[in-house]
N, C-alpha and C. Protein backbone atom coordinates (compact mmCIF):
# COMPACT_ATOMS: atom_id res chain seq x y z
N UNK A 1 -48.07 -5.88 -39.84
CA UNK A 1 -47.80 -7.09 -38.66
C UNK A 1 -48.54 -7.53 -38.14
N UNK A 2 -49.06 -8.78 -37.94
CA UNK A 2 -50.12 -9.70 -38.01
C UNK A 2 -49.55 -10.05 -36.37
N UNK A 3 -51.17 -10.53 -36.00
CA UNK A 3 -50.98 -11.15 -34.48
C UNK A 3 -50.65 -12.94 -34.68
N UNK A 4 -50.71 -13.42 -33.18
CA UNK A 4 -50.64 -14.84 -33.69
C UNK A 4 -52.05 -15.68 -33.62
N UNK A 5 -51.80 -16.51 -34.11
CA UNK A 5 -53.55 -16.93 -34.22
C UNK A 5 -54.33 -17.26 -32.24
N UNK A 6 -54.86 -17.03 -32.27
CA UNK A 6 -55.57 -17.22 -30.87
C UNK A 6 -55.45 -18.92 -30.95
N UNK A 7 -54.79 -19.67 -29.11
CA UNK A 7 -55.23 -20.60 -28.77
C UNK A 7 -56.60 -21.29 -28.97
N UNK A 8 -56.77 -22.72 -29.68
CA UNK A 8 -57.99 -23.55 -29.81
C UNK A 8 -59.06 -23.38 -28.30
N UNK A 9 -59.93 -22.99 -28.18
CA UNK A 9 -60.66 -23.28 -27.25
C UNK A 9 -61.01 -24.71 -27.15
N UNK A 10 -60.71 -25.58 -25.13
CA UNK A 10 -60.59 -26.40 -24.91
C UNK A 10 -59.17 -26.97 -24.58
N UNK A 11 -57.89 -26.74 -24.93
CA UNK A 11 -57.15 -27.41 -25.27
C UNK A 11 -56.41 -26.45 -23.61
N UNK A 12 -55.67 -26.93 -22.65
CA UNK A 12 -55.01 -26.33 -21.49
C UNK A 12 -54.45 -25.56 -21.14
N UNK A 13 -54.38 -25.18 -20.66
CA UNK A 13 -54.54 -22.90 -20.62
C UNK A 13 -53.35 -23.85 -19.87
N UNK A 14 -52.38 -22.33 -20.66
CA UNK A 14 -50.91 -22.01 -20.20
C UNK A 14 -50.71 -22.04 -18.90
N UNK A 15 -49.39 -22.58 -18.97
CA UNK A 15 -49.26 -22.52 -17.73
C UNK A 15 -48.42 -21.18 -17.25
N UNK A 16 -48.62 -21.08 -15.77
CA UNK A 16 -48.95 -19.64 -15.40
C UNK A 16 -47.35 -19.32 -15.35
N UNK A 17 -47.44 -18.13 -13.53
CA UNK A 17 -46.28 -17.79 -13.84
C UNK A 17 -45.58 -18.55 -12.28
N UNK A 18 -46.35 -19.16 -11.26
CA UNK A 18 -46.55 -20.06 -10.15
C UNK A 18 -45.97 -21.27 -10.59
N UNK A 19 -46.56 -21.92 -11.61
CA UNK A 19 -46.03 -23.04 -11.81
C UNK A 19 -45.04 -23.12 -12.60
N UNK A 20 -45.20 -22.18 -13.47
CA UNK A 20 -43.13 -21.86 -13.79
C UNK A 20 -42.41 -22.27 -12.88
N UNK A 21 -42.60 -21.53 -12.02
CA UNK A 21 -41.43 -20.97 -10.90
C UNK A 21 -41.62 -22.38 -9.90
N UNK A 22 -42.40 -23.29 -9.89
CA UNK A 22 -42.47 -23.75 -8.91
C UNK A 22 -41.54 -25.37 -9.97
N UNK A 23 -42.02 -25.66 -11.13
CA UNK A 23 -41.23 -26.02 -11.97
C UNK A 23 -39.59 -26.00 -11.99
N UNK A 24 -39.44 -24.72 -12.23
CA UNK A 24 -37.59 -24.37 -11.95
C UNK A 24 -37.69 -24.26 -10.45
N UNK A 25 -37.94 -24.50 -10.14
CA UNK A 25 -37.01 -24.74 -8.73
C UNK A 25 -37.06 -26.33 -8.40
N UNK A 26 -38.25 -27.61 -8.58
CA UNK A 26 -38.19 -29.01 -8.75
C UNK A 26 -37.45 -28.93 -10.08
N UNK A 27 -36.69 -28.53 -10.41
CA UNK A 27 -35.68 -28.93 -12.06
C UNK A 27 -34.08 -28.60 -11.36
N UNK A 28 -34.37 -28.35 -10.06
CA UNK A 28 -33.34 -27.74 -9.51
C UNK A 28 -32.44 -29.41 -9.45
N UNK A 29 -33.39 -30.33 -9.01
CA UNK A 29 -32.83 -31.51 -8.53
C UNK A 29 -31.94 -31.99 -9.70
N UNK A 30 -32.20 -31.93 -11.31
CA UNK A 30 -31.47 -31.95 -12.11
C UNK A 30 -29.87 -32.11 -12.20
N UNK A 31 -29.67 -30.89 -11.33
CA UNK A 31 -28.50 -30.49 -11.59
C UNK A 31 -27.14 -31.24 -11.21
N UNK A 32 -25.62 -30.94 -11.40
CA UNK A 32 -25.11 -31.27 -11.22
C UNK A 32 -25.94 -31.70 -9.48
N UNK A 33 -24.82 -33.08 -8.47
CA UNK A 33 -24.43 -32.98 -6.97
C UNK A 33 -23.95 -31.26 -6.37
N UNK A 34 -22.58 -30.84 -6.55
CA UNK A 34 -22.87 -29.39 -6.86
C UNK A 34 -23.29 -28.29 -6.76
N UNK A 35 -24.08 -28.44 -8.26
CA UNK A 35 -24.92 -27.04 -7.57
C UNK A 35 -26.30 -27.71 -7.29
N UNK A 36 -26.43 -28.26 -6.83
CA UNK A 36 -27.83 -29.02 -6.26
C UNK A 36 -27.21 -28.60 -4.80
N UNK A 37 -26.11 -28.54 -4.24
CA UNK A 37 -26.04 -28.67 -2.93
C UNK A 37 -25.52 -26.71 -2.55
N UNK A 38 -25.34 -26.44 -3.67
CA UNK A 38 -24.86 -24.91 -4.02
C UNK A 38 -26.22 -23.99 -3.55
N UNK A 39 -26.90 -24.50 -4.66
CA UNK A 39 -28.47 -23.65 -4.57
C UNK A 39 -29.25 -23.81 -2.63
N UNK A 40 -28.59 -25.15 -2.68
CA UNK A 40 -29.58 -25.41 -1.00
C UNK A 40 -29.06 -25.39 0.23
N UNK A 41 -28.40 -25.93 0.30
CA UNK A 41 -27.11 -25.97 1.50
C UNK A 41 -26.80 -24.19 1.36
N UNK A 42 -25.88 -24.95 0.13
CA UNK A 42 -24.56 -23.98 0.65
C UNK A 42 -25.17 -22.13 0.62
N UNK A 43 -26.24 -21.64 -0.64
CA UNK A 43 -26.83 -20.91 -0.58
C UNK A 43 -26.47 -20.11 0.79
N UNK A 44 -28.03 -21.08 2.03
CA UNK A 44 -27.85 -20.77 2.92
C UNK A 44 -27.17 -20.25 3.77
N UNK A 45 -26.44 -20.40 4.00
CA UNK A 45 -24.38 -20.65 4.87
C UNK A 45 -24.32 -19.75 4.25
N UNK A 46 -24.31 -19.83 3.11
CA UNK A 46 -23.29 -17.95 2.41
C UNK A 46 -24.52 -17.01 3.28
N UNK A 47 -25.26 -17.10 2.82
CA UNK A 47 -26.12 -15.93 2.97
C UNK A 47 -26.39 -15.56 4.88
N UNK A 48 -26.45 -16.54 5.58
CA UNK A 48 -25.92 -16.40 7.11
C UNK A 48 -24.69 -15.55 7.21
N UNK A 49 -23.60 -15.86 6.50
CA UNK A 49 -22.07 -15.53 6.49
C UNK A 49 -21.81 -14.28 6.51
N UNK A 50 -23.01 -14.19 4.99
CA UNK A 50 -22.59 -12.43 4.19
C UNK A 50 -23.08 -11.71 5.52
N UNK A 51 -24.10 -11.86 5.94
CA UNK A 51 -25.74 -11.28 6.49
C UNK A 51 -24.67 -10.75 7.67
N UNK A 52 -24.53 -11.58 8.12
CA UNK A 52 -23.20 -11.29 9.61
C UNK A 52 -22.20 -10.37 9.56
N UNK A 53 -21.75 -11.02 7.88
CA UNK A 53 -20.58 -9.42 7.98
C UNK A 53 -20.62 -8.36 7.32
N UNK A 54 -22.29 -8.20 6.68
CA UNK A 54 -23.04 -7.42 6.70
C UNK A 54 -23.16 -6.34 7.62
N UNK A 55 -23.68 -6.95 8.81
CA UNK A 55 -24.26 -6.90 10.15
C UNK A 55 -23.03 -5.99 10.73
N UNK A 56 -21.95 -6.88 11.08
CA UNK A 56 -20.56 -6.45 11.57
C UNK A 56 -19.71 -5.16 10.17
N UNK A 57 -19.96 -5.19 9.92
CA UNK A 57 -19.28 -4.04 8.77
C UNK A 57 -19.91 -3.15 8.91
N UNK A 58 -21.00 -2.83 9.18
CA UNK A 58 -21.97 -1.57 9.63
C UNK A 58 -21.68 -0.95 11.48
N UNK A 59 -21.66 -1.96 12.49
CA UNK A 59 -21.24 -1.93 13.67
C UNK A 59 -20.29 -1.77 14.18
N UNK A 60 -19.06 -2.07 14.04
CA UNK A 60 -18.22 -2.03 14.17
C UNK A 60 -16.82 -1.35 13.15
N UNK A 61 -17.52 -1.64 11.77
CA UNK A 61 -16.67 -1.37 10.53
C UNK A 61 -16.37 -2.07 9.76
N UNK A 62 -16.12 -1.89 8.35
CA UNK A 62 -15.73 -3.04 7.31
C UNK A 62 -14.40 -3.65 7.95
N UNK A 63 -13.43 -3.19 8.03
CA UNK A 63 -12.17 -3.62 7.95
C UNK A 63 -12.40 -4.13 9.37
N UNK A 64 -12.31 -3.82 10.47
CA UNK A 64 -12.52 -4.16 11.50
C UNK A 64 -13.08 -5.69 11.72
N UNK A 65 -14.10 -5.46 10.52
CA UNK A 65 -14.76 -7.16 10.61
C UNK A 65 -14.08 -7.26 9.19
N UNK A 66 -14.11 -7.74 8.28
CA UNK A 66 -12.50 -8.85 8.16
C UNK A 66 -11.76 -9.00 9.46
N UNK A 67 -11.13 -7.98 9.61
CA UNK A 67 -10.01 -8.17 10.62
C UNK A 67 -10.35 -9.57 12.01
N UNK A 68 -11.87 -9.64 12.23
CA UNK A 68 -12.27 -9.90 13.35
C UNK A 68 -12.57 -11.32 12.69
N UNK A 69 -13.62 -11.75 10.86
CA UNK A 69 -13.26 -12.36 10.52
C UNK A 69 -12.29 -13.78 10.40
N UNK A 70 -11.36 -12.96 9.92
CA UNK A 70 -10.18 -14.33 9.18
C UNK A 70 -9.07 -13.75 10.73
N UNK A 71 -9.38 -13.66 11.75
CA UNK A 71 -8.32 -13.99 12.96
C UNK A 71 -7.46 -13.30 12.83
N UNK A 72 -7.49 -11.66 12.66
CA UNK A 72 -6.02 -11.34 12.74
C UNK A 72 -6.36 -10.46 14.03
N UNK A 73 -7.66 -9.86 13.87
CA UNK A 73 -8.03 -8.95 15.66
C UNK A 73 -9.10 -10.23 16.42
N UNK A 74 -8.75 -9.79 17.63
CA UNK A 74 -9.72 -11.17 19.13
C UNK A 74 -10.99 -10.17 19.03
N UNK A 75 -11.97 -10.56 18.79
CA UNK A 75 -13.07 -10.13 18.57
C UNK A 75 -13.77 -9.51 19.91
N UNK A 76 -12.51 -9.65 21.63
CA UNK A 76 -12.73 -8.93 22.63
C UNK A 76 -12.11 -7.56 22.46
N UNK A 77 -11.61 -7.96 21.38
CA UNK A 77 -10.86 -5.36 21.01
C UNK A 77 -12.15 -5.42 20.36
N UNK A 78 -12.84 -5.23 20.26
CA UNK A 78 -13.93 -4.35 19.29
C UNK A 78 -15.29 -4.09 19.94
N UNK A 79 -15.87 -2.73 19.80
CA UNK A 79 -17.27 -3.56 20.58
C UNK A 79 -18.26 -2.86 19.74
N UNK A 80 -19.53 -3.46 19.46
CA UNK A 80 -19.42 -3.96 20.49
C UNK A 80 -19.58 -5.14 19.86
N UNK A 81 -18.93 -6.43 21.12
CA UNK A 81 -19.18 -7.66 20.93
C UNK A 81 -19.72 -8.84 20.87
N UNK A 82 -20.69 -7.92 21.32
CA UNK A 82 -21.71 -9.15 20.59
C UNK A 82 -21.77 -9.86 19.57
N UNK A 83 -21.36 -9.05 18.04
CA UNK A 83 -21.95 -9.19 17.02
C UNK A 83 -20.46 -9.98 16.84
N UNK A 84 -19.09 -9.19 17.28
CA UNK A 84 -18.16 -9.54 16.86
C UNK A 84 -17.97 -11.18 17.09
N UNK A 85 -17.68 -11.23 18.40
CA UNK A 85 -17.89 -12.97 18.66
C UNK A 85 -18.50 -14.38 17.39
N UNK A 86 -19.85 -13.75 16.73
CA UNK A 86 -20.56 -14.78 16.10
C UNK A 86 -19.69 -14.82 14.57
N UNK A 87 -18.95 -13.55 14.13
CA UNK A 87 -18.50 -13.35 13.13
C UNK A 87 -17.58 -13.85 13.37
N UNK A 88 -16.57 -13.93 14.37
CA UNK A 88 -15.60 -14.82 14.30
C UNK A 88 -15.24 -16.31 14.84
N UNK A 89 -16.60 -16.47 14.82
CA UNK A 89 -16.90 -18.01 14.71
C UNK A 89 -17.13 -18.62 14.17
N UNK A 90 -17.96 -17.33 12.84
CA UNK A 90 -17.49 -18.41 11.53
C UNK A 90 -16.71 -17.98 10.67
N UNK A 91 -15.32 -17.08 10.75
CA UNK A 91 -14.67 -16.90 10.14
C UNK A 91 -13.67 -18.04 9.98
N UNK A 92 -13.93 -18.72 11.63
CA UNK A 92 -12.91 -19.82 11.90
C UNK A 92 -13.85 -21.12 11.53
N UNK A 93 -14.99 -21.15 11.53
CA UNK A 93 -14.97 -22.72 11.48
C UNK A 93 -16.43 -23.08 10.62
N UNK A 94 -17.66 -21.68 10.01
CA UNK A 94 -18.15 -21.96 9.10
C UNK A 94 -17.66 -21.88 7.74
N UNK A 95 -17.34 -20.83 7.19
CA UNK A 95 -16.32 -20.68 5.77
C UNK A 95 -15.21 -22.08 5.96
N UNK A 96 -14.33 -22.47 6.20
CA UNK A 96 -13.59 -23.60 5.96
C UNK A 96 -14.05 -24.57 5.89
N UNK A 97 -15.26 -24.40 6.41
CA UNK A 97 -16.19 -25.77 5.85
C UNK A 97 -16.51 -25.42 5.11
N UNK A 98 -17.36 -24.75 4.65
CA UNK A 98 -18.19 -24.17 3.19
C UNK A 98 -17.08 -24.67 2.34
N UNK A 99 -15.75 -23.85 2.24
CA UNK A 99 -15.17 -24.37 1.35
C UNK A 99 -14.37 -25.69 0.69
N UNK A 100 -14.16 -26.53 2.78
CA UNK A 100 -13.97 -27.55 2.56
C UNK A 100 -15.51 -28.87 1.83
N UNK A 101 -16.60 -28.71 2.08
CA UNK A 101 -17.34 -28.79 0.88
C UNK A 101 -17.26 -29.40 -0.02
N UNK A 102 -17.75 -27.39 -0.57
CA UNK A 102 -17.40 -27.27 -1.82
C UNK A 102 -16.12 -27.97 -2.86
N UNK A 103 -14.92 -28.20 -1.93
CA UNK A 103 -13.93 -29.50 -2.51
C UNK A 103 -14.34 -30.37 -2.01
N UNK A 104 -15.42 -30.66 -1.72
CA UNK A 104 -15.77 -32.70 -1.46
C UNK A 104 -16.35 -32.76 -3.05
N UNK A 105 -16.84 -31.95 -2.83
CA UNK A 105 -17.92 -31.74 -4.10
C UNK A 105 -17.06 -32.13 -5.73
N UNK A 106 -16.80 -31.42 -5.56
CA UNK A 106 -15.63 -31.20 -6.34
C UNK A 106 -15.03 -32.05 -7.01
N UNK A 107 -13.85 -32.47 -5.89
CA UNK A 107 -13.45 -33.47 -6.38
C UNK A 107 -13.90 -35.16 -6.37
N UNK A 108 -15.24 -35.26 -5.71
CA UNK A 108 -15.58 -36.50 -5.73
C UNK A 108 -16.75 -36.69 -7.49
N UNK A 109 -17.32 -35.30 -7.73
CA UNK A 109 -18.06 -35.24 -9.11
C UNK A 109 -16.28 -35.90 -10.14
N UNK A 110 -15.35 -35.14 -9.68
CA UNK A 110 -14.45 -35.88 -10.97
C UNK A 110 -13.73 -37.13 -10.80
N UNK A 111 -13.81 -37.36 -9.72
CA UNK A 111 -13.28 -38.88 -9.42
C UNK A 111 -14.37 -39.90 -10.18
N UNK A 112 -15.49 -39.20 -9.73
CA UNK A 112 -16.90 -40.29 -10.70
C UNK A 112 -16.81 -40.57 -11.41
N UNK A 113 -16.04 -39.11 -12.42
CA UNK A 113 -16.45 -38.82 -13.74
C UNK A 113 -15.52 -39.67 -14.99
N UNK A 114 -14.07 -40.19 -13.78
CA UNK A 114 -12.92 -40.88 -14.18
C UNK A 114 -12.55 -42.00 -13.66
N UNK A 115 -14.03 -42.98 -14.03
CA UNK A 115 -13.87 -44.16 -12.72
C UNK A 115 -12.49 -45.09 -13.53
N UNK A 116 -12.38 -45.67 -11.83
CA UNK A 116 -11.01 -46.72 -12.40
C UNK A 116 -11.73 -48.34 -14.02
N UNK A 117 -10.34 -48.83 -14.14
CA UNK A 117 -11.69 -49.60 -15.26
C UNK A 117 -11.67 -50.55 -14.43
N UNK A 118 -12.98 -51.42 -14.81
CA UNK A 118 -12.66 -53.70 -14.00
C UNK A 118 -11.60 -53.38 -13.80
N UNK A 119 -10.49 -54.82 -12.50
CA UNK A 119 -9.67 -55.34 -12.55
C UNK A 119 -9.68 -56.76 -14.09
N UNK A 120 -10.66 -57.26 -14.28
CA UNK A 120 -11.02 -58.25 -14.84
C UNK A 120 -10.31 -57.75 -16.59
N UNK A 121 -10.36 -56.42 -16.86
CA UNK A 121 -10.13 -56.02 -18.25
C UNK A 121 -9.12 -55.50 -17.94
N UNK A 122 -8.16 -55.58 -17.19
CA UNK A 122 -6.95 -54.62 -16.70
C UNK A 122 -6.36 -55.78 -16.34
N UNK A 123 -6.02 -57.37 -16.39
CA UNK A 123 -5.76 -58.40 -16.37
C UNK A 123 -5.45 -59.22 -17.81
N UNK A 124 -6.96 -58.93 -18.35
CA UNK A 124 -7.47 -59.39 -19.93
C UNK A 124 -6.13 -58.71 -20.85
N UNK A 125 -5.95 -57.30 -20.58
CA UNK A 125 -5.36 -56.16 -21.75
C UNK A 125 -3.95 -56.88 -20.89
N UNK A 126 -3.94 -56.55 -19.53
CA UNK A 126 -2.28 -57.27 -19.33
C UNK A 126 -1.93 -58.43 -19.82
N UNK A 127 -2.20 -59.81 -20.41
CA UNK A 127 -2.23 -60.70 -20.81
C UNK A 127 -2.78 -60.58 -22.53
N UNK A 128 -2.55 -60.20 -22.86
CA UNK A 128 -2.85 -60.16 -24.36
C UNK A 128 -1.34 -58.80 -24.09
N UNK A 129 -0.56 -58.26 -23.87
CA UNK A 129 0.10 -57.29 -24.19
C UNK A 129 1.32 -58.93 -23.82
N UNK A 130 1.32 -59.45 -23.06
CA UNK A 130 2.47 -60.23 -22.48
C UNK A 130 2.06 -61.44 -23.31
N UNK A 131 1.17 -61.74 -23.99
CA UNK A 131 2.23 -62.89 -25.27
C UNK A 131 2.45 -62.64 -26.12
N UNK A 132 3.47 -63.59 -26.64
CA UNK A 132 4.18 -63.65 -27.89
C UNK A 132 3.94 -63.32 -29.23
N UNK A 133 4.23 -61.93 -29.19
CA UNK A 133 3.81 -61.98 -31.09
C UNK A 133 3.43 -62.98 -31.72
N UNK A 134 3.04 -63.14 -32.89
CA UNK A 134 2.58 -63.86 -34.12
C UNK A 134 3.26 -63.56 -34.83
N UNK A 135 3.56 -62.33 -35.50
CA UNK A 135 4.22 -61.79 -36.38
C UNK A 135 5.78 -62.62 -36.83
N UNK A 136 6.26 -62.65 -37.93
CA UNK A 136 7.25 -63.41 -38.49
C UNK A 136 8.41 -63.14 -38.26
N UNK A 137 9.15 -62.28 -37.30
CA UNK A 137 10.22 -62.16 -36.52
C UNK A 137 11.73 -63.42 -35.99
N UNK A 138 11.35 -64.51 -36.79
CA UNK A 138 12.14 -65.67 -36.84
C UNK A 138 12.70 -65.70 -37.78
């Protein structure tokens, strides 16, 4: 079993771990809009919502946390209330906003992938189809 040849002296050093991580972080801009949104803003909001849910799960119980977040139970009926109210607001406003934003990005990408044709192209095609055929039908 032979070892790979040593790099020639005088060349650039191989990229370090920090450089590779920085390059990957910069490469996120090459992702589609939805992927970039999900990694940048969506991950922050979903992480905060998840942390709030986990905190409430430990403090008021997992079933109560779910019921408060989905609006089944009022946050005023559980104790401690100081953590149930933010969870209730998150379930009422933030989660639907994240789902709506994700749906909006996906729908926008689909629409942009299927651009409408130019009006002049459509009119030219309609004129071509409306012309009497020059075949020998007579």
